[in-house]
Amino acid sequence: MWTATDTVRRLEEDNARLALFRLQAEELSVRVHDLEQLLRIPSESALKERVNFDAAVPARLVLDAGGPFTRSLLANAGRDRGVAPDFYAINSQGLVGRVVAVGSSTSRVLLLDDYNSRVPVMGQTSRVRAVVVGQAGARANLLTGPAWFGDVRLDYVVDTETLRDGELLVTSGDGGVFPRGIAVGRAVKGTDGRWQVALAVASRPIDMILLVPFSATAEPEDAPDVAPPPPPPMALITPEPPARAPIRAAPVLPPTGDDPDTTPTDQVEGPAQ
């Protein structure tokens, strides 16, 4: 009884603190949304911004007992439906894997816990970069089912002190294989100090998935922005002098009788008498 009373009191205090944190988080969320709208900052949510649902192909996963990979499943959608290698597979929980081989009507999806799987991730809150590395050595079988996932570790952690236990890990977009923002799992720190990953897709059985194409961000060298040529320099135009009117000679007036030096042309001397 005394232990239960202390436990209830402690839980009530934790609940009061969490309620205060919830109010603060809601207020900050509204402020961040308003600032993003004001500054026109695009959202980082991959499922809203980067997933091309128009080109996504729905498919159903079936158990695969063979193949060159240890942990892979077959999807009943292939080249006839537009699927190509390097499509990534997602479901309602998060990232499932990526397509590594395509046939006429089926495709092979490499799961995240396969030994050959490498997924660049980052902490959603701490922004710590790392790589999710699969290390499963057993094939899927009918007893455990295709939803069973093996151990997945977290390698190449940039800042282990900043990463928090239980933090959500999402794809970072590094490497140009997966878009940024797809849920992968939560970071779990083991008793030996090593980081493991609890995959998000392992919480429920995998049945239906979406095979989505991904186009990496184009580099400026691949698609340079060709600027229009500069306008030609303006030629120096010398203004022409204004046209002058032709100089006309003064009109010649006929002589008059008052001038002694001139003889009237109309006066004709008669014959001498």
C-alpha atoms as a PDB file:
ATOM      1  CA  MET A   1       0.000   0.000   0.000  1.00  0.00           C
ATOM      2  CA  TRP A   2       2.729   2.480   0.922  1.00  0.00           C
ATOM      3  CA  THR A   3       4.604   1.659  -2.317  1.00  0.00           C
ATOM      4  CA  ALA A   4       1.457   2.043  -4.393  1.00  0.00           C
ATOM      5  CA  THR A   5       0.709   5.408  -2.808  1.00  0.00           C
ATOM      6  CA  ASP A   6       4.187   6.710  -3.614  1.00  0.00           C
ATOM      7  CA  THR A   7       3.914   5.414  -7.162  1.00  0.00           C
ATOM      8  CA  VAL A   8       0.565   7.106  -7.723  1.00  0.00           C
ATOM      9  CA  ARG A   9       1.858  10.401  -6.317  1.00  0.00           C
ATOM     10  CA  ARG A  10       4.940  10.266  -8.542  1.00  0.00           C
ATOM     11  CA  LEU A  11       2.851   9.491 -11.615  1.00  0.00           C
ATOM     12  CA  GLU A  12       0.522  12.391 -10.857  1.00  0.00           C
ATOM     13  CA  GLU A  13       3.493  14.758 -10.640  1.00  0.00           C
ATOM     14  CA  ASP A  14       4.869  13.422 -13.920  1.00  0.00           C
ATOM     15  CA  ASN A  15       1.465  13.821 -15.511  1.00  0.00           C
ATOM     16  CA  ALA A  16       1.262  17.469 -14.404  1.00  0.00           C
ATOM     17  CA  ARG A  17       4.726  18.192 -15.835  1.00  0.00           C
ATOM     18  CA  LEU A  18       3.867  16.444 -19.101  1.00  0.00           C
ATOM     19  CA  ALA A  19       0.649  18.430 -19.388  1.00  0.00           C
ATOM     20  CA  LEU A  20       2.676  21.632 -19.062  1.00  0.00           C
ATOM     21  CA  PHE A  21       5.159  20.422 -21.678  1.00  0.00           C
ATOM     22  CA  ARG A  22       2.276  19.547 -23.973  1.00  0.00           C
ATOM     23  CA  LEU A  23       0.877  23.062 -23.759  1.00  0.00           C
ATOM     24  CA  GLN A  24       4.311  24.515 -24.489  1.00  0.00           C
ATOM     25  CA  ALA A  25       4.809  22.140 -27.424  1.00  0.00           C
ATOM     26  CA  GLU A  26       1.442  23.084 -28.920  1.00  0.00           C
ATOM     27  CA  GLU A  27       2.239  26.785 -28.562  1.00  0.00           C
ATOM     28  CA  LEU A  28       5.668  26.334 -30.172  1.00  0.00           C
ATOM     29  CA  SER A  29       4.145  24.247 -32.954  1.00  0.00           C
ATOM     30  CA  VAL A  30       1.710  27.023 -33.811  1.00  0.00           C
ATOM     31  CA  ARG A  31       4.489  29.629 -33.754  1.00  0.00           C
ATOM     32  CA  VAL A  32       6.735  27.517 -35.969  1.00  0.00           C
ATOM     33  CA  HIS A  33       3.917  26.943 -38.437  1.00  0.00           C
ATOM     34  CA  ASP A  34       3.166  30.662 -38.589  1.00  0.00           C
ATOM     35  CA  LEU A  35       6.831  31.529 -39.108  1.00  0.00           C
ATOM     36  CA  GLU A  36       7.196  28.918 -41.859  1.00  0.00           C
ATOM     37  CA  GLN A  37       4.166  30.313 -43.620  1.00  0.00           C
ATOM     38  CA  LEU A  38       5.490  33.842 -43.233  1.00  0.00           C
ATOM     39  CA  LEU A  39       8.966  32.976 -44.532  1.00  0.00           C
ATOM     40  CA  ARG A  40       7.634  30.494 -47.112  1.00  0.00           C
ATOM     41  CA  ILE A  41       9.819  27.691 -45.782  1.00  0.00           C
ATOM     42  CA  PRO A  42       8.931  24.317 -47.372  1.00  0.00           C
ATOM     43  CA  SER A  43       8.042  21.454 -45.086  1.00  0.00           C
ATOM     44  CA  GLU A  44      10.516  18.620 -44.509  1.00  0.00           C
ATOM     45  CA  SER A  45       7.841  15.950 -44.430  1.00  0.00           C
ATOM     46  CA  ALA A  46       8.734  13.444 -47.114  1.00  0.00           C
ATOM     47  CA  LEU A  47       5.253  11.962 -47.274  1.00  0.00           C
ATOM     48  CA  LYS A  48       3.812  15.385 -48.124  1.00  0.00           C
ATOM     49  CA  GLU A  49       6.534  16.955 -50.227  1.00  0.00           C
ATOM     50  CA  ARG A  50       8.713  14.258 -51.780  1.00  0.00           C
ATOM     51  CA  VAL A  51       6.469  11.228 -52.281  1.00  0.00           C
ATOM     52  CA  ASN A  52       5.048  11.159 -55.779  1.00  0.00           C
ATOM     53  CA  PHE A  53       1.757   9.427 -55.082  1.00  0.00           C
ATOM     54  CA  ASP A  54       0.722   9.765 -58.718  1.00  0.00           C
ATOM     55  CA  ALA A  55       3.625   7.514 -59.770  1.00  0.00           C
ATOM     56  CA  ALA A  56       3.512   5.230 -56.693  1.00  0.00           C
ATOM     57  CA  VAL A  57       2.610   1.584 -57.362  1.00  0.00           C
ATOM     58  CA  PRO A  58       0.646  -0.344 -54.711  1.00  0.00           C
ATOM     59  CA  ALA A  59       1.764  -3.937 -54.226  1.00  0.00           C
ATOM     60  CA  ARG A  60       1.452  -6.884 -51.893  1.00  0.00           C
ATOM     61  CA  LEU A  61       4.457  -8.589 -50.331  1.00  0.00           C
ATOM     62  CA  VAL A  62       4.777 -12.375 -50.360  1.00  0.00           C
ATOM     63  CA  LEU A  63       7.240 -14.638 -48.607  1.00  0.00           C
ATOM     64  CA  ASP A  64      10.482 -15.331 -50.450  1.00  0.00           C
ATOM     65  CA  ALA A  65      12.397 -18.439 -49.453  1.00  0.00           C
ATOM     66  CA  GLY A  66      15.246 -17.978 -51.909  1.00  0.00           C
ATOM     67  CA  GLY A  67      17.117 -15.291 -53.764  1.00  0.00           C
ATOM     68  CA  PRO A  68      20.606 -13.850 -53.457  1.00  0.00           C
ATOM     69  CA  PHE A  69      19.734 -11.826 -50.330  1.00  0.00           C
ATOM     70  CA  THR A  70      19.035 -13.135 -46.865  1.00  0.00           C
ATOM     71  CA  ARG A  71      16.229 -10.745 -46.014  1.00  0.00           C
ATOM     72  CA  SER A  72      14.091  -9.914 -49.023  1.00  0.00           C
ATOM     73  CA  LEU A  73      10.468 -10.226 -50.039  1.00  0.00           C
ATOM     74  CA  LEU A  74       8.718 -10.393 -53.389  1.00  0.00           C
ATOM     75  CA  ALA A  75       6.184  -7.783 -54.482  1.00  0.00           C
ATOM     76  CA  ASN A  76       3.529  -8.646 -57.046  1.00  0.00           C
ATOM     77  CA  ALA A  77       4.309  -5.606 -59.196  1.00  0.00           C
ATOM     78  CA  GLY A  78       7.014  -5.393 -61.811  1.00  0.00           C
ATOM     79  CA  ARG A  79       8.072  -3.704 -64.978  1.00  0.00           C
ATOM     80  CA  ASP A  80       4.626  -4.100 -66.483  1.00  0.00           C
ATOM     81  CA  ARG A  81       3.329  -1.632 -63.886  1.00  0.00           C
ATOM     82  CA  GLY A  82       6.194   0.822 -64.135  1.00  0.00           C
ATOM     83  CA  VAL A  83       8.381  -0.434 -61.272  1.00  0.00           C
ATOM     84  CA  ALA A  84      12.120   0.090 -61.700  1.00  0.00           C
ATOM     85  CA  PRO A  85      15.198  -0.620 -59.549  1.00  0.00           C
ATOM     86  CA  ASP A  86      15.884   1.787 -56.660  1.00  0.00           C
ATOM     87  CA  PHE A  87      12.187   2.362 -55.996  1.00  0.00           C
ATOM     88  CA  TYR A  88      11.753   2.530 -52.233  1.00  0.00           C
ATOM     89  CA  ALA A  89       8.997   0.680 -50.366  1.00  0.00           C
ATOM     90  CA  ILE A  90       6.923   2.287 -47.608  1.00  0.00           C
ATOM     91  CA  ASN A  91       3.779   1.516 -45.688  1.00  0.00           C
ATOM     92  CA  SER A  92       1.737   3.323 -43.063  1.00  0.00           C
ATOM     93  CA  GLN A  93       4.443   2.753 -40.414  1.00  0.00           C
ATOM     94  CA  GLY A  94       7.453   3.948 -42.378  1.00  0.00           C
ATOM     95  CA  LEU A  95      10.264   2.699 -44.575  1.00  0.00           C
ATOM     96  CA  VAL A  96      10.258  -0.988 -45.505  1.00  0.00           C
ATOM     97  CA  GLY A  97      13.190  -1.235 -47.936  1.00  0.00           C
ATOM     98  CA  ARG A  98      14.074  -0.658 -51.559  1.00  0.00           C
ATOM     99  CA  VAL A  99      13.730  -2.501 -54.832  1.00  0.00           C
ATOM    100  CA  VAL A 100      16.912  -4.284 -55.922  1.00  0.00           C
ATOM    101  CA  ALA A 101      15.619  -6.397 -58.832  1.00  0.00           C
ATOM    102  CA  VAL A 102      12.670  -6.108 -61.198  1.00  0.00           C
ATOM    103  CA  GLY A 103      10.999  -8.708 -63.376  1.00  0.00           C
ATOM    104  CA  SER A 104       8.134  -8.568 -65.804  1.00  0.00           C
ATOM    105  CA  SER A 105       5.454  -8.918 -63.101  1.00  0.00           C
ATOM    106  CA  THR A 106       7.333  -9.091 -59.781  1.00  0.00           C
ATOM    107  CA  SER A 107      10.083  -7.215 -57.984  1.00  0.00           C
ATOM    108  CA  ARG A 108      12.413  -8.002 -55.095  1.00  0.00           C
ATOM    109  CA  VAL A 109      12.391  -5.711 -52.066  1.00  0.00           C
ATOM    110  CA  LEU A 110      15.482  -5.684 -49.843  1.00  0.00           C
ATOM    111  CA  LEU A 111      14.400  -5.267 -46.206  1.00  0.00           C
ATOM    112  CA  LEU A 112      16.088  -2.899 -43.775  1.00  0.00           C
ATOM    113  CA  ASP A 113      17.497  -5.657 -41.583  1.00  0.00           C
ATOM    114  CA  ASP A 114      19.382  -7.401 -44.397  1.00  0.00           C
ATOM    115  CA  TYR A 115      23.147  -7.535 -44.035  1.00  0.00           C
ATOM    116  CA  ASN A 116      23.558  -5.568 -47.282  1.00  0.00           C
ATOM    117  CA  SER A 117      21.176  -2.785 -46.245  1.00  0.00           C
ATOM    118  CA  ARG A 118      22.587   0.663 -45.400  1.00  0.00           C
ATOM    119  CA  VAL A 119      20.233   3.593 -44.755  1.00  0.00           C
ATOM    120  CA  PRO A 120      21.481   7.102 -43.837  1.00  0.00           C
ATOM    121  CA  VAL A 121      19.323   8.477 -41.028  1.00  0.00           C
ATOM    122  CA  MET A 122      19.204  11.391 -38.621  1.00  0.00           C
ATOM    123  CA  GLY A 123      17.542  12.108 -35.316  1.00  0.00           C
ATOM    124  CA  GLN A 124      14.341  14.032 -35.786  1.00  0.00           C
ATOM    125  CA  THR A 125      15.061  16.256 -32.777  1.00  0.00           C
ATOM    126  CA  SER A 126      18.845  16.190 -32.310  1.00  0.00           C
ATOM    127  CA  ARG A 127      19.657  16.102 -36.074  1.00  0.00           C
ATOM    128  CA  VAL A 128      22.429  13.605 -35.344  1.00  0.00           C
ATOM    129  CA  ARG A 129      23.568  11.768 -38.482  1.00  0.00           C
ATOM    130  CA  ALA A 130      24.086   8.004 -38.491  1.00  0.00           C
ATOM    131  CA  VAL A 131      23.688   4.903 -40.662  1.00  0.00           C
ATOM    132  CA  VAL A 132      21.236   2.079 -39.991  1.00  0.00           C
ATOM    133  CA  VAL A 133      23.032  -1.205 -40.732  1.00  0.00           C
ATOM    134  CA  GLY A 134      21.179  -4.500 -41.024  1.00  0.00           C
ATOM    135  CA  GLN A 135      22.774  -7.589 -39.505  1.00  0.00           C
ATOM    136  CA  ALA A 136      20.121 -10.289 -39.786  1.00  0.00           C
ATOM    137  CA  GLY A 137      21.549 -13.629 -40.757  1.00  0.00           C
ATOM    138  CA  ALA A 138      18.399 -15.798 -40.786  1.00  0.00           C
ATOM    139  CA  ARG A 139      15.942 -16.014 -43.638  1.00  0.00           C
ATOM    140  CA  ALA A 140      12.258 -15.319 -43.200  1.00  0.00           C
ATOM    141  CA  ASN A 141      10.209 -18.437 -42.624  1.00  0.00           C
ATOM    142  CA  LEU A 142       6.562 -19.336 -42.229  1.00  0.00           C
ATOM    143  CA  LEU A 143       6.832 -19.628 -38.440  1.00  0.00           C
ATOM    144  CA  THR A 144       7.991 -16.092 -37.786  1.00  0.00           C
ATOM    145  CA  GLY A 145       6.374 -14.602 -40.872  1.00  0.00           C
ATOM    146  CA  PRO A 146       7.635 -11.882 -43.187  1.00  0.00           C
ATOM    147  CA  ALA A 147       7.027  -9.179 -40.547  1.00  0.00           C
ATOM    148  CA  TRP A 148       9.783 -10.550 -38.325  1.00  0.00           C
ATOM    149  CA  PHE A 149      12.855  -8.354 -38.312  1.00  0.00           C
ATOM    150  CA  GLY A 150      16.274  -9.112 -36.952  1.00  0.00           C
ATOM    151  CA  ASP A 151      18.762  -6.920 -35.157  1.00  0.00           C
ATOM    152  CA  VAL A 152      19.563  -3.557 -36.678  1.00  0.00           C
ATOM    153  CA  ARG A 153      22.410  -1.481 -35.327  1.00  0.00           C
ATOM    154  CA  LEU A 154      23.278   2.183 -35.589  1.00  0.00           C
ATOM    155  CA  ASP A 155      26.775   2.941 -36.874  1.00  0.00           C
ATOM    156  CA  TYR A 156      28.772   6.052 -37.709  1.00  0.00           C
ATOM    157  CA  VAL A 157      26.937   8.150 -35.144  1.00  0.00           C
ATOM    158  CA  VAL A 158      28.254  11.688 -35.456  1.00  0.00           C
ATOM    159  CA  ASP A 159      27.471  12.838 -31.906  1.00  0.00           C
ATOM    160  CA  THR A 160      26.534  10.052 -29.525  1.00  0.00           C
ATOM    161  CA  GLU A 161      26.083  12.402 -26.573  1.00  0.00           C
ATOM    162  CA  THR A 162      23.407  14.441 -28.336  1.00  0.00           C
ATOM    163  CA  LEU A 163      21.371  11.437 -29.513  1.00  0.00           C
ATOM    164  CA  ARG A 164      18.668  10.535 -27.018  1.00  0.00           C
ATOM    165  CA  ASP A 165      17.334   7.125 -26.149  1.00  0.00           C
ATOM    166  CA  GLY A 166      13.958   6.565 -27.839  1.00  0.00           C
ATOM    167  CA  GLU A 167      14.400   9.368 -30.364  1.00  0.00           C
ATOM    168  CA  LEU A 168      12.715   8.919 -33.720  1.00  0.00           C
ATOM    169  CA  LEU A 169      15.092   8.293 -36.625  1.00  0.00           C
ATOM    170  CA  VAL A 170      14.124   9.416 -40.123  1.00  0.00           C
ATOM    171  CA  THR A 171      15.888   9.195 -43.451  1.00  0.00           C
ATOM    172  CA  SER A 172      18.343  12.061 -43.903  1.00  0.00           C
ATOM    173  CA  GLY A 173      18.392  12.082 -47.709  1.00  0.00           C
ATOM    174  CA  ASP A 174      22.185  11.692 -47.817  1.00  0.00           C
ATOM    175  CA  GLY A 175      23.465   9.595 -50.675  1.00  0.00           C
ATOM    176  CA  GLY A 176      20.532  10.274 -52.977  1.00  0.00           C
ATOM    177  CA  VAL A 177      18.819   6.887 -52.428  1.00  0.00           C
ATOM    178  CA  PHE A 178      15.956   7.786 -50.072  1.00  0.00           C
ATOM    179  CA  PRO A 179      14.144  11.104 -49.647  1.00  0.00           C
ATOM    180  CA  ARG A 180      14.375  12.983 -46.410  1.00  0.00           C
ATOM    181  CA  GLY A 181      11.858  12.540 -43.607  1.00  0.00           C
ATOM    182  CA  ILE A 182      10.601   8.929 -43.829  1.00  0.00           C
ATOM    183  CA  ALA A 183      10.314   7.218 -40.435  1.00  0.00           C
ATOM    184  CA  VAL A 184      12.785   4.358 -39.931  1.00  0.00           C
ATOM    185  CA  GLY A 185      12.597   3.542 -36.209  1.00  0.00           C
ATOM    186  CA  ARG A 186      13.655   4.629 -32.754  1.00  0.00           C
ATOM    187  CA  ALA A 187      17.131   4.697 -31.283  1.00  0.00           C
ATOM    188  CA  VAL A 188      17.611   2.248 -28.415  1.00  0.00           C
ATOM    189  CA  LYS A 189      20.758   2.260 -26.302  1.00  0.00           C
ATOM    190  CA  GLY A 190      21.809  -1.175 -25.128  1.00  0.00           C
ATOM    191  CA  THR A 191      23.345  -2.159 -21.819  1.00  0.00           C
ATOM    192  CA  ASP A 192      26.754  -2.345 -23.487  1.00  0.00           C
ATOM    193  CA  GLY A 193      26.501   1.266 -24.681  1.00  0.00           C
ATOM    194  CA  ARG A 194      25.872   0.378 -28.324  1.00  0.00           C
ATOM    195  CA  TRP A 195      22.992   1.848 -30.231  1.00  0.00           C
ATOM    196  CA  GLN A 196      20.322  -0.356 -31.761  1.00  0.00           C
ATOM    197  CA  VAL A 197      17.248   0.543 -33.814  1.00  0.00           C
ATOM    198  CA  ALA A 198      13.682  -0.575 -33.156  1.00  0.00           C
ATOM    199  CA  LEU A 199      12.285  -0.509 -36.690  1.00  0.00           C
ATOM    200  CA  ALA A 200       8.934   1.184 -37.148  1.00  0.00           C
ATOM    201  CA  VAL A 201       7.698  -1.383 -39.677  1.00  0.00           C
ATOM    202  CA  ALA A 202       8.255  -4.221 -37.199  1.00  0.00           C
ATOM    203  CA  SER A 203       5.307  -3.090 -35.051  1.00  0.00           C
ATOM    204  CA  ARG A 204       2.720  -4.589 -37.426  1.00  0.00           C
ATOM    205  CA  PRO A 205       2.686  -7.334 -40.063  1.00  0.00           C
ATOM    206  CA  ILE A 206       3.724  -6.134 -43.502  1.00  0.00           C
ATOM    207  CA  ASP A 207       1.219  -6.814 -46.236  1.00  0.00           C
ATOM    208  CA  MET A 208       0.476  -3.872 -48.537  1.00  0.00           C
ATOM    209  CA  ILE A 209       3.202  -1.436 -49.531  1.00  0.00           C
ATOM    210  CA  LEU A 210       3.773   1.420 -51.927  1.00  0.00           C
ATOM    211  CA  LEU A 211       6.646   1.300 -54.394  1.00  0.00           C
ATOM    212  CA  VAL A 212       7.626   4.908 -54.978  1.00  0.00           C
ATOM    213  CA  PRO A 213      10.164   6.357 -57.419  1.00  0.00           C
ATOM    214  CA  PHE A 214      12.692   8.822 -56.100  1.00  0.00           C
ATOM    215  CA  SER A 215      14.527  11.418 -58.110  1.00  0.00           C
ATOM    216  CA  ALA A 216      17.516  12.909 -56.321  1.00  0.00           C
ATOM    217  CA  THR A 217      18.063  16.636 -56.224  1.00  0.00           C
ATOM    218  CA  ALA A 218      19.735  17.756 -59.431  1.00  0.00           C
ATOM    219  CA  GLU A 219      23.189  19.250 -59.016  1.00  0.00           C
ATOM    220  CA  PRO A 220      23.808  22.689 -60.483  1.00  0.00           C
ATOM    221  CA  GLU A 221      26.580  21.274 -62.702  1.00  0.00           C
ATOM    222  CA  ASP A 222      24.141  18.822 -64.288  1.00  0.00           C
ATOM    223  CA  ALA A 223      21.541  21.451 -65.059  1.00  0.00           C
ATOM    224  CA  PRO A 224      23.295  24.819 -65.175  1.00  0.00           C
ATOM    225  CA  ASP A 225      21.257  27.937 -65.311  1.00  0.00           C
ATOM    226  CA  VAL A 226      22.158  29.421 -68.682  1.00  0.00           C
ATOM    227  CA  ALA A 227      21.923  33.160 -68.405  1.00  0.00           C
ATOM    228  CA  PRO A 228      20.772  35.088 -71.442  1.00  0.00           C
ATOM    229  CA  PRO A 229      23.599  36.752 -73.387  1.00  0.00           C
ATOM    230  CA  PRO A 230      24.245  40.377 -72.520  1.00  0.00           C
ATOM    231  CA  PRO A 231      22.834  42.947 -74.880  1.00  0.00           C
ATOM    232  CA  PRO A 232      25.248  44.219 -77.558  1.00  0.00           C
ATOM    233  CA  PRO A 233      27.063  47.439 -76.719  1.00  0.00           C
ATOM    234  CA  MET A 234      25.423  50.562 -77.968  1.00  0.00           C
ATOM    235  CA  ALA A 235      27.264  52.038 -80.967  1.00  0.00           C
ATOM    236  CA  LEU A 236      28.307  55.630 -80.819  1.00  0.00           C
ATOM    237  CA  ILE A 237      26.157  57.392 -83.379  1.00  0.00           C
ATOM    238  CA  THR A 238      27.484  60.753 -84.613  1.00  0.00           C
ATOM    239  CA  PRO A 239      24.569  63.056 -85.227  1.00  0.00           C
ATOM    240  CA  GLU A 240      24.406  64.349 -88.767  1.00  0.00           C
ATOM    241  CA  PRO A 241      24.389  68.142 -89.253  1.00  0.00           C
ATOM    242  CA  PRO A 242      21.025  69.541 -90.092  1.00  0.00           C
ATOM    243  CA  ALA A 243      20.341  69.975 -93.782  1.00  0.00           C
ATOM    244  CA  ARG A 244      20.809  73.482 -95.005  1.00  0.00           C
ATOM    245  CA  ALA A 245      18.503  75.150 -97.445  1.00  0.00           C
ATOM    246  CA  PRO A 246      20.115  75.845-100.842  1.00  0.00           C
ATOM    247  CA  ILE A 247      21.318  79.375-101.351  1.00  0.00           C
ATOM    248  CA  ARG A 248      19.369  81.020-104.131  1.00  0.00           C
ATOM    249  CA  ALA A 249      20.730  83.958-106.165  1.00  0.00           C
ATOM    250  CA  ALA A 250      19.030  87.306-105.917  1.00  0.00           C
ATOM    251  CA  PRO A 251      16.664  87.994-108.825  1.00  0.00           C
ATOM    252  CA  VAL A 252      17.990  90.304-111.574  1.00  0.00           C
ATOM    253  CA  LEU A 253      15.817  93.352-111.964  1.00  0.00           C
ATOM    254  CA  PRO A 254      15.423  94.977-115.398  1.00  0.00           C
ATOM    255  CA  PRO A 255      17.316  98.285-115.870  1.00  0.00           C
ATOM    256  CA  THR A 256      15.536 101.603-115.688  1.00  0.00           C
ATOM    257  CA  GLY A 257      15.971 104.858-117.670  1.00  0.00           C
ATOM    258  CA  ASP A 258      17.538 106.792-114.838  1.00  0.00           C
ATOM    259  CA  ASP A 259      20.774 104.837-115.129  1.00  0.00           C
ATOM    260  CA  PRO A 260      23.123 106.602-117.618  1.00  0.00           C
ATOM    261  CA  ASP A 261      25.341 103.613-118.032  1.00  0.00           C
ATOM    262  CA  THR A 262      22.647 101.464-119.401  1.00  0.00           C
ATOM    263  CA  THR A 263      20.625 101.740-122.552  1.00  0.00           C
ATOM    264  CA  PRO A 264      17.119 100.589-122.588  1.00  0.00           C
ATOM    265  CA  THR A 265      16.783  97.449-124.542  1.00  0.00           C
ATOM    266  CA  ASP A 266      13.389  98.419-125.828  1.00  0.00           C
ATOM    267  CA  GLN A 267      14.655 101.770-127.297  1.00  0.00           C
ATOM    268  CA  VAL A 268      15.619 101.334-130.924  1.00  0.00           C
ATOM    269  CA  GLU A 269      17.249 104.128-132.868  1.00  0.00           C
ATOM    270  CA  GLY A 270      15.519 104.982-136.094  1.00  0.00           C
ATOM    271  CA  PRO A 271      17.285 105.452-139.441  1.00  0.00           C
ATOM    272  CA  ALA A 272      19.260 108.597-139.938  1.00  0.00           C
ATOM    273  CA  GLN A 273      17.572 111.244-141.755  1.00  0.00           C
END
